[in-house]
Amino acid sequence: MMIDPPNVPWRGRMWSHLASDESFEELHAFARAMGVPERGFDRDHYDIPAEFYDDAIAAGALPVRSRDIVVRLRAAGLRRPKSR
């Protein structure tokens, strides 16, 4: 499990991305355990508000750079880019 720093502004808040390079099942289970609503799932990651960043790390998410999430998702075959 990995999370990037909260550096995406949206709707007056800063957001992180929570992702797994193992499986979507692992990602969904982790998010459920943290109480993250399913509506936070976006193709291959969950959008996590900045105030939950430290909680995600305490629960076992590895802090990584945003670019690392993309690289690791691609390597694992789990990247789902936006449709064009």
PDB file of N, CA and C in Angstrom:
ATOM      1  N   MET A   1       0.843  -1.167   0.000  1.00  0.00           N
ATOM      2  CA  MET A   1       0.000   0.000   0.000  1.00  0.00           C
ATOM      3  C   MET A   1       0.889   1.231   0.000  1.00  0.00           C
ATOM      4  N   MET A   2       0.502   2.248  -0.753  1.00  0.00           N
ATOM      5  CA  MET A   2       1.309   3.467  -0.840  1.00  0.00           C
ATOM      6  C   MET A   2       0.403   4.689  -0.925  1.00  0.00           C
ATOM      7  N   ILE A   3       0.950   5.811  -0.468  1.00  0.00           N
ATOM      8  CA  ILE A   3       0.212   7.069  -0.503  1.00  0.00           C
ATOM      9  C   ILE A   3       1.196   8.189  -0.825  1.00  0.00           C
ATOM     10  N   ASP A   4       0.747   9.109  -1.683  1.00  0.00           N
ATOM     11  CA  ASP A   4       1.595  10.256  -2.004  1.00  0.00           C
ATOM     12  C   ASP A   4       1.200  11.443  -1.122  1.00  0.00           C
ATOM     13  N   PRO A   5       2.054  12.468  -1.088  1.00  0.00           N
ATOM     14  CA  PRO A   5       1.742  13.638  -0.252  1.00  0.00           C
ATOM     15  C   PRO A   5       0.464  14.331  -0.724  1.00  0.00           C
ATOM     16  N   PRO A   6      -0.235  14.972   0.195  1.00  0.00           N
ATOM     17  CA  PRO A   6      -1.452  15.701  -0.192  1.00  0.00           C
ATOM     18  C   PRO A   6      -1.089  16.978  -0.951  1.00  0.00           C
ATOM     19  N   ASN A   7      -0.990  16.848  -2.280  1.00  0.00           N
ATOM     20  CA  ASN A   7      -0.571  17.989  -3.088  1.00  0.00           C
ATOM     21  C   ASN A   7      -1.520  18.316  -4.236  1.00  0.00           C
ATOM     22  N   VAL A   8      -2.730  17.755  -4.185  1.00  0.00           N
ATOM     23  CA  VAL A   8      -3.719  18.023  -5.229  1.00  0.00           C
ATOM     24  C   VAL A   8      -4.865  18.836  -4.623  1.00  0.00           C
ATOM     25  N   PRO A   9      -4.998  20.102  -5.035  1.00  0.00           N
ATOM     26  CA  PRO A   9      -6.109  20.900  -4.512  1.00  0.00           C
ATOM     27  C   PRO A   9      -7.409  20.577  -5.238  1.00  0.00           C
ATOM     28  N   TRP A  10      -8.493  20.454  -4.475  1.00  0.00           N
ATOM     29  CA  TRP A  10      -9.816  20.213  -5.062  1.00  0.00           C
ATOM     30  C   TRP A  10     -10.867  20.508  -4.013  1.00  0.00           C
ATOM     31  N   ARG A  11     -11.826  21.303  -4.375  1.00  0.00           N
ATOM     32  CA  ARG A  11     -12.941  21.659  -3.494  1.00  0.00           C
ATOM     33  C   ARG A  11     -12.495  22.192  -2.136  1.00  0.00           C
ATOM     34  N   GLY A  12     -11.486  23.049  -2.163  1.00  0.00           N
ATOM     35  CA  GLY A  12     -11.042  23.693  -0.944  1.00  0.00           C
ATOM     36  C   GLY A  12     -10.216  22.831  -0.005  1.00  0.00           C
ATOM     37  N   ARG A  13      -9.791  21.662  -0.465  1.00  0.00           N
ATOM     38  CA  ARG A  13      -8.972  20.758   0.360  1.00  0.00           C
ATOM     39  C   ARG A  13      -7.776  20.295  -0.455  1.00  0.00           C
ATOM     40  N   MET A  14      -6.815  19.716   0.235  1.00  0.00           N
ATOM     41  CA  MET A  14      -5.684  19.078  -0.427  1.00  0.00           C
ATOM     42  C   MET A  14      -5.886  17.565  -0.333  1.00  0.00           C
ATOM     43  N   TRP A  15      -5.469  16.859  -1.396  1.00  0.00           N
ATOM     44  CA  TRP A  15      -5.741  15.425  -1.505  1.00  0.00           C
ATOM     45  C   TRP A  15      -4.498  14.622  -1.833  1.00  0.00           C
ATOM     46  N   SER A  16      -4.473  13.382  -1.330  1.00  0.00           N
ATOM     47  CA  SER A  16      -3.458  12.381  -1.637  1.00  0.00           C
ATOM     48  C   SER A  16      -4.095  11.284  -2.465  1.00  0.00           C
ATOM     49  N   HIS A  17      -3.246  10.405  -2.994  1.00  0.00           N
ATOM     50  CA  HIS A  17      -3.710   9.228  -3.714  1.00  0.00           C
ATOM     51  C   HIS A  17      -3.230   7.990  -2.963  1.00  0.00           C
ATOM     52  N   LEU A  18      -4.154   7.105  -2.658  1.00  0.00           N
ATOM     53  CA  LEU A  18      -3.858   5.844  -1.985  1.00  0.00           C
ATOM     54  C   LEU A  18      -3.975   4.739  -3.018  1.00  0.00           C
ATOM     55  N   ALA A  19      -2.924   3.919  -3.163  1.00  0.00           N
ATOM     56  CA  ALA A  19      -2.932   2.880  -4.191  1.00  0.00           C
ATOM     57  C   ALA A  19      -2.198   1.633  -3.702  1.00  0.00           C
ATOM     58  N   SER A  20      -2.463   0.525  -4.375  1.00  0.00           N
ATOM     59  CA  SER A  20      -1.780  -0.734  -4.112  1.00  0.00           C
ATOM     60  C   SER A  20      -1.141  -1.222  -5.400  1.00  0.00           C
ATOM     61  N   ASP A  21       0.087  -1.704  -5.305  1.00  0.00           N
ATOM     62  CA  ASP A  21       0.715  -2.326  -6.464  1.00  0.00           C
ATOM     63  C   ASP A  21       0.625  -3.851  -6.377  1.00  0.00           C
ATOM     64  N   GLU A  22      -0.229  -4.322  -5.468  1.00  0.00           N
ATOM     65  CA  GLU A  22      -0.483  -5.765  -5.321  1.00  0.00           C
ATOM     66  C   GLU A  22      -1.801  -6.162  -5.987  1.00  0.00           C
ATOM     67  N   SER A  23      -2.902  -5.499  -5.582  1.00  0.00           N
ATOM     68  CA  SER A  23      -4.211  -5.844  -6.137  1.00  0.00           C
ATOM     69  C   SER A  23      -5.240  -4.800  -5.745  1.00  0.00           C
ATOM     70  N   PHE A  24      -6.319  -4.763  -6.508  1.00  0.00           N
ATOM     71  CA  PHE A  24      -7.423  -3.879  -6.158  1.00  0.00           C
ATOM     72  C   PHE A  24      -8.136  -4.396  -4.912  1.00  0.00           C
ATOM     73  N   GLU A  25      -8.136  -5.700  -4.699  1.00  0.00           N
ATOM     74  CA  GLU A  25      -8.748  -6.263  -3.495  1.00  0.00           C
ATOM     75  C   GLU A  25      -8.042  -5.736  -2.251  1.00  0.00           C
ATOM     76  N   GLU A  26      -6.698  -5.715  -2.279  1.00  0.00           N
ATOM     77  CA  GLU A  26      -5.937  -5.186  -1.152  1.00  0.00           C
ATOM     78  C   GLU A  26      -6.259  -3.706  -0.941  1.00  0.00           C
ATOM     79  N   LEU A  27      -6.326  -2.952  -2.019  1.00  0.00           N
ATOM     80  CA  LEU A  27      -6.622  -1.530  -1.951  1.00  0.00           C
ATOM     81  C   LEU A  27      -7.991  -1.281  -1.329  1.00  0.00           C
ATOM     82  N   HIS A  28      -9.005  -1.997  -1.815  1.00  0.00           N
ATOM     83  CA  HIS A  28     -10.358  -1.797  -1.292  1.00  0.00           C
ATOM     84  C   HIS A  28     -10.453  -2.200   0.185  1.00  0.00           C
ATOM     85  N   ALA A  29      -9.791  -3.292   0.562  1.00  0.00           N
ATOM     86  CA  ALA A  29      -9.819  -3.741   1.959  1.00  0.00           C
ATOM     87  C   ALA A  29      -9.157  -2.705   2.872  1.00  0.00           C
ATOM     88  N   PHE A  30      -8.030  -2.163   2.448  1.00  0.00           N
ATOM     89  CA  PHE A  30      -7.324  -1.144   3.228  1.00  0.00           C
ATOM     90  C   PHE A  30      -8.198   0.099   3.385  1.00  0.00           C
ATOM     91  N   ALA A  31      -8.788   0.534   2.293  1.00  0.00           N
ATOM     92  CA  ALA A  31      -9.648   1.719   2.325  1.00  0.00           C
ATOM     93  C   ALA A  31     -10.857   1.489   3.246  1.00  0.00           C
ATOM     94  N   ARG A  32     -11.476   0.318   3.143  1.00  0.00           N
ATOM     95  CA  ARG A  32     -12.614  -0.003   4.015  1.00  0.00           C
ATOM     96  C   ARG A  32     -12.200   0.045   5.479  1.00  0.00           C
ATOM     97  N   ALA A  33     -11.044  -0.535   5.793  1.00  0.00           N
ATOM     98  CA  ALA A  33     -10.562  -0.571   7.175  1.00  0.00           C
ATOM     99  C   ALA A  33     -10.309   0.836   7.712  1.00  0.00           C
ATOM    100  N   MET A  34      -9.951   1.769   6.822  1.00  0.00           N
ATOM    101  CA  MET A  34      -9.733   3.159   7.228  1.00  0.00           C
ATOM    102  C   MET A  34     -11.021   3.963   7.249  1.00  0.00           C
ATOM    103  N   GLY A  35     -12.117   3.390   6.750  1.00  0.00           N
ATOM    104  CA  GLY A  35     -13.387   4.099   6.704  1.00  0.00           C
ATOM    105  C   GLY A  35     -13.521   5.041   5.523  1.00  0.00           C
ATOM    106  N   VAL A  36     -12.719   4.800   4.482  1.00  0.00           N
ATOM    107  CA  VAL A  36     -12.776   5.635   3.276  1.00  0.00           C
ATOM    108  C   VAL A  36     -14.007   5.231   2.468  1.00  0.00           C
ATOM    109  N   PRO A  37     -14.863   6.160   2.101  1.00  0.00           N
ATOM    110  CA  PRO A  37     -16.059   5.817   1.314  1.00  0.00           C
ATOM    111  C   PRO A  37     -15.684   5.310  -0.079  1.00  0.00           C
ATOM    112  N   GLU A  38     -16.486   4.397  -0.596  1.00  0.00           N
ATOM    113  CA  GLU A  38     -16.241   3.836  -1.932  1.00  0.00           C
ATOM    114  C   GLU A  38     -16.227   4.914  -3.014  1.00  0.00           C
ATOM    115  N   ARG A  39     -16.956   5.995  -2.803  1.00  0.00           N
ATOM    116  CA  ARG A  39     -16.993   7.061  -3.807  1.00  0.00           C
ATOM    117  C   ARG A  39     -15.622   7.707  -3.994  1.00  0.00           C
ATOM    118  N   GLY A  40     -14.680   7.458  -3.086  1.00  0.00           N
ATOM    119  CA  GLY A  40     -13.329   7.980  -3.203  1.00  0.00           C
ATOM    120  C   GLY A  40     -12.462   7.224  -4.187  1.00  0.00           C
ATOM    121  N   PHE A  41     -12.965   6.072  -4.692  1.00  0.00           N
ATOM    122  CA  PHE A  41     -12.189   5.266  -5.643  1.00  0.00           C
ATOM    123  C   PHE A  41     -12.266   5.892  -7.028  1.00  0.00           C
ATOM    124  N   ASP A  42     -11.111   6.058  -7.667  1.00  0.00           N
ATOM    125  CA  ASP A  42     -11.028   6.670  -8.988  1.00  0.00           C
ATOM    126  C   ASP A  42     -10.127   5.819  -9.886  1.00  0.00           C
ATOM    127  N   ARG A  43     -10.705   4.874 -10.594  1.00  0.00           N
ATOM    128  CA  ARG A  43     -10.049   3.996 -11.570  1.00  0.00           C
ATOM    129  C   ARG A  43      -9.011   3.052 -10.968  1.00  0.00           C
ATOM    130  N   ASP A  44      -7.962   3.581 -10.318  1.00  0.00           N
ATOM    131  CA  ASP A  44      -6.894   2.719  -9.803  1.00  0.00           C
ATOM    132  C   ASP A  44      -6.341   3.198  -8.456  1.00  0.00           C
ATOM    133  N   HIS A  45      -7.041   4.147  -7.827  1.00  0.00           N
ATOM    134  CA  HIS A  45      -6.592   4.686  -6.549  1.00  0.00           C
ATOM    135  C   HIS A  45      -7.780   5.297  -5.803  1.00  0.00           C
ATOM    136  N   TYR A  46      -7.552   5.586  -4.549  1.00  0.00           N
ATOM    137  CA  TYR A  46      -8.527   6.347  -3.761  1.00  0.00           C
ATOM    138  C   TYR A  46      -7.986   7.746  -3.553  1.00  0.00           C
ATOM    139  N   ASP A  47      -8.869   8.721  -3.631  1.00  0.00           N
ATOM    140  CA  ASP A  47      -8.528  10.086  -3.277  1.00  0.00           C
ATOM    141  C   ASP A  47      -8.746  10.230  -1.769  1.00  0.00           C
ATOM    142  N   ILE A  48      -7.691  10.661  -1.073  1.00  0.00           N
ATOM    143  CA  ILE A  48      -7.707  10.733   0.385  1.00  0.00           C
ATOM    144  C   ILE A  48      -7.452  12.174   0.813  1.00  0.00           C
ATOM    145  N   PRO A  49      -8.333  12.781   1.625  1.00  0.00           N
ATOM    146  CA  PRO A  49      -8.091  14.155   2.076  1.00  0.00           C
ATOM    147  C   PRO A  49      -6.858  14.234   2.979  1.00  0.00           C
ATOM    148  N   ALA A  50      -6.204  15.379   2.946  1.00  0.00           N
ATOM    149  CA  ALA A  50      -4.953  15.588   3.678  1.00  0.00           C
ATOM    150  C   ALA A  50      -5.049  15.215   5.154  1.00  0.00           C
ATOM    151  N   GLU A  51      -6.199  15.444   5.765  1.00  0.00           N
ATOM    152  CA  GLU A  51      -6.308  15.165   7.204  1.00  0.00           C
ATOM    153  C   GLU A  51      -6.227  13.672   7.536  1.00  0.00           C
ATOM    154  N   PHE A  52      -6.314  12.794   6.540  1.00  0.00           N
ATOM    155  CA  PHE A  52      -6.201  11.348   6.771  1.00  0.00           C
ATOM    156  C   PHE A  52      -4.857  10.781   6.321  1.00  0.00           C
ATOM    157  N   TYR A  53      -3.970  11.642   5.827  1.00  0.00           N
ATOM    158  CA  TYR A  53      -2.656  11.196   5.344  1.00  0.00           C
ATOM    159  C   TYR A  53      -1.876  10.470   6.445  1.00  0.00           C
ATOM    160  N   ASP A  54      -1.744  11.083   7.612  1.00  0.00           N
ATOM    161  CA  ASP A  54      -0.993  10.462   8.716  1.00  0.00           C
ATOM    162  C   ASP A  54      -1.639   9.166   9.184  1.00  0.00           C
ATOM    163  N   ASP A  55      -2.975   9.107   9.178  1.00  0.00           N
ATOM    164  CA  ASP A  55      -3.677   7.878   9.569  1.00  0.00           C
ATOM    165  C   ASP A  55      -3.365   6.746   8.591  1.00  0.00           C
ATOM    166  N   ALA A  56      -3.290   7.063   7.303  1.00  0.00           N
ATOM    167  CA  ALA A  56      -2.983   6.041   6.300  1.00  0.00           C
ATOM    168  C   ALA A  56      -1.583   5.483   6.519  1.00  0.00           C
ATOM    169  N   ILE A  57      -0.637   6.351   6.823  1.00  0.00           N
ATOM    170  CA  ILE A  57       0.732   5.898   7.090  1.00  0.00           C
ATOM    171  C   ILE A  57       0.771   5.057   8.362  1.00  0.00           C
ATOM    172  N   ALA A  58       0.067   5.492   9.394  1.00  0.00           N
ATOM    173  CA  ALA A  58       0.017   4.720  10.641  1.00  0.00           C
ATOM    174  C   ALA A  58      -0.605   3.347  10.422  1.00  0.00           C
ATOM    175  N   ALA A  59      -1.523   3.245   9.461  1.00  0.00           N
ATOM    176  CA  ALA A  59      -2.178   1.963   9.161  1.00  0.00           C
ATOM    177  C   ALA A  59      -1.320   1.079   8.256  1.00  0.00           C
ATOM    178  N   GLY A  60      -0.190   1.607   7.774  1.00  0.00           N
ATOM    179  CA  GLY A  60       0.720   0.766   6.996  1.00  0.00           C
ATOM    180  C   GLY A  60       1.008   1.214   5.577  1.00  0.00           C
ATOM    181  N   ALA A  61       0.420   2.328   5.137  1.00  0.00           N
ATOM    182  CA  ALA A  61       0.707   2.821   3.789  1.00  0.00           C
ATOM    183  C   ALA A  61       2.114   3.421   3.752  1.00  0.00           C
ATOM    184  N   LEU A  62       2.836   3.126   2.702  1.00  0.00           N
ATOM    185  CA  LEU A  62       4.184   3.635   2.509  1.00  0.00           C
ATOM    186  C   LEU A  62       4.128   5.003   1.842  1.00  0.00           C
ATOM    187  N   PRO A  63       4.724   6.030   2.446  1.00  0.00           N
ATOM    188  CA  PRO A  63       4.730   7.340   1.787  1.00  0.00           C
ATOM    189  C   PRO A  63       5.691   7.323   0.595  1.00  0.00           C
ATOM    190  N   VAL A  64       5.187   7.715  -0.571  1.00  0.00           N
ATOM    191  CA  VAL A  64       5.973   7.731  -1.805  1.00  0.00           C
ATOM    192  C   VAL A  64       5.673   9.014  -2.574  1.00  0.00           C
ATOM    193  N   ARG A  65       6.477   9.289  -3.599  1.00  0.00           N
ATOM    194  CA  ARG A  65       6.210  10.414  -4.482  1.00  0.00           C
ATOM    195  C   ARG A  65       5.066  10.054  -5.424  1.00  0.00           C
ATOM    196  N   SER A  66       4.370  11.048  -5.914  1.00  0.00           N
ATOM    197  CA  SER A  66       3.252  10.811  -6.837  1.00  0.00           C
ATOM    198  C   SER A  66       3.706  10.010  -8.046  1.00  0.00           C
ATOM    199  N   ARG A  67       4.853  10.361  -8.577  1.00  0.00           N
ATOM    200  CA  ARG A  67       5.390   9.653  -9.746  1.00  0.00           C
ATOM    201  C   ARG A  67       5.618   8.171  -9.457  1.00  0.00           C
ATOM    202  N   ASP A  68       6.046   7.850  -8.235  1.00  0.00           N
ATOM    203  CA  ASP A  68       6.284   6.452  -7.869  1.00  0.00           C
ATOM    204  C   ASP A  68       5.007   5.626  -7.932  1.00  0.00           C
ATOM    205  N   ILE A  69       3.879   6.234  -7.571  1.00  0.00           N
ATOM    206  CA  ILE A  69       2.611   5.509  -7.650  1.00  0.00           C
ATOM    207  C   ILE A  69       2.336   5.099  -9.089  1.00  0.00           C
ATOM    208  N   VAL A  70       2.482   6.030 -10.016  1.00  0.00           N
ATOM    209  CA  VAL A  70       2.222   5.734 -11.429  1.00  0.00           C
ATOM    210  C   VAL A  70       3.168   4.646 -11.930  1.00  0.00           C
ATOM    211  N   VAL A  71       4.441   4.777 -11.623  1.00  0.00           N
ATOM    212  CA  VAL A  71       5.439   3.794 -12.076  1.00  0.00           C
ATOM    213  C   VAL A  71       5.114   2.409 -11.528  1.00  0.00           C
ATOM    214  N   ARG A  72       4.813   2.331 -10.245  1.00  0.00           N
ATOM    215  CA  ARG A  72       4.549   1.027  -9.623  1.00  0.00           C
ATOM    216  C   ARG A  72       3.235   0.424 -10.106  1.00  0.00           C
ATOM    217  N   LEU A  73       2.210   1.245 -10.331  1.00  0.00           N
ATOM    218  CA  LEU A  73       0.950   0.723 -10.868  1.00  0.00           C
ATOM    219  C   LEU A  73       1.156   0.172 -12.279  1.00  0.00           C
ATOM    220  N   ARG A  74       1.904   0.895 -13.106  1.00  0.00           N
ATOM    221  CA  ARG A  74       2.186   0.409 -14.462  1.00  0.00           C
ATOM    222  C   ARG A  74       2.948  -0.912 -14.428  1.00  0.00           C
ATOM    223  N   ALA A  75       3.976  -0.991 -13.597  1.00  0.00           N
ATOM    224  CA  ALA A  75       4.780  -2.206 -13.496  1.00  0.00           C
ATOM    225  C   ALA A  75       3.949  -3.403 -13.048  1.00  0.00           C
ATOM    226  N   ALA A  76       2.958  -3.148 -12.211  1.00  0.00           N
ATOM    227  CA  ALA A  76       2.096  -4.226 -11.695  1.00  0.00           C
ATOM    228  C   ALA A  76       0.927  -4.533 -12.635  1.00  0.00           C
ATOM    229  N   GLY A  77       0.776  -3.737 -13.697  1.00  0.00           N
ATOM    230  CA  GLY A  77      -0.345  -3.937 -14.612  1.00  0.00           C
ATOM    231  C   GLY A  77      -1.664  -3.457 -14.049  1.00  0.00           C
ATOM    232  N   LEU A  78      -1.635  -2.561 -13.079  1.00  0.00           N
ATOM    233  CA  LEU A  78      -2.843  -2.087 -12.417  1.00  0.00           C
ATOM    234  C   LEU A  78      -3.209  -0.654 -12.775  1.00  0.00           C
ATOM    235  N   ARG A  79      -2.439  -0.008 -13.632  1.00  0.00           N
ATOM    236  CA  ARG A  79      -2.725   1.387 -14.009  1.00  0.00           C
ATOM    237  C   ARG A  79      -3.925   1.427 -14.933  1.00  0.00           C
ATOM    238  N   ARG A  80      -4.871   2.280 -14.613  1.00  0.00           N
ATOM    239  CA  ARG A  80      -6.078   2.489 -15.432  1.00  0.00           C
ATOM    240  C   ARG A  80      -6.155   3.961 -15.798  1.00  0.00           C
ATOM    241  N   PRO A  81      -5.507   4.363 -16.893  1.00  0.00           N
ATOM    242  CA  PRO A  81      -5.536   5.790 -17.263  1.00  0.00           C
ATOM    243  C   PRO A  81      -6.920   6.236 -17.705  1.00  0.00           C
ATOM    244  N   LYS A  82      -7.130   7.546 -17.644  1.00  0.00           N
ATOM    245  CA  LYS A  82      -8.401   8.104 -18.097  1.00  0.00           C
ATOM    246  C   LYS A  82      -8.611   7.824 -19.570  1.00  0.00           C
ATOM    247  N   SER A  83      -9.860   7.609 -19.957  1.00  0.00           N
ATOM    248  CA  SER A  83     -10.199   7.425 -21.365  1.00  0.00           C
ATOM    249  C   SER A  83     -10.036   8.752 -22.078  1.00  0.00           C
ATOM    250  N   ARG A  84      -9.724   8.676 -23.344  1.00  0.00           N
ATOM    251  CA  ARG A  84      -9.558   9.909 -24.131  1.00  0.00           C
ATOM    252  C   ARG A  84     -10.772  10.181 -24.948  1.00  0.00           C
TER     253      ARG A  84
END
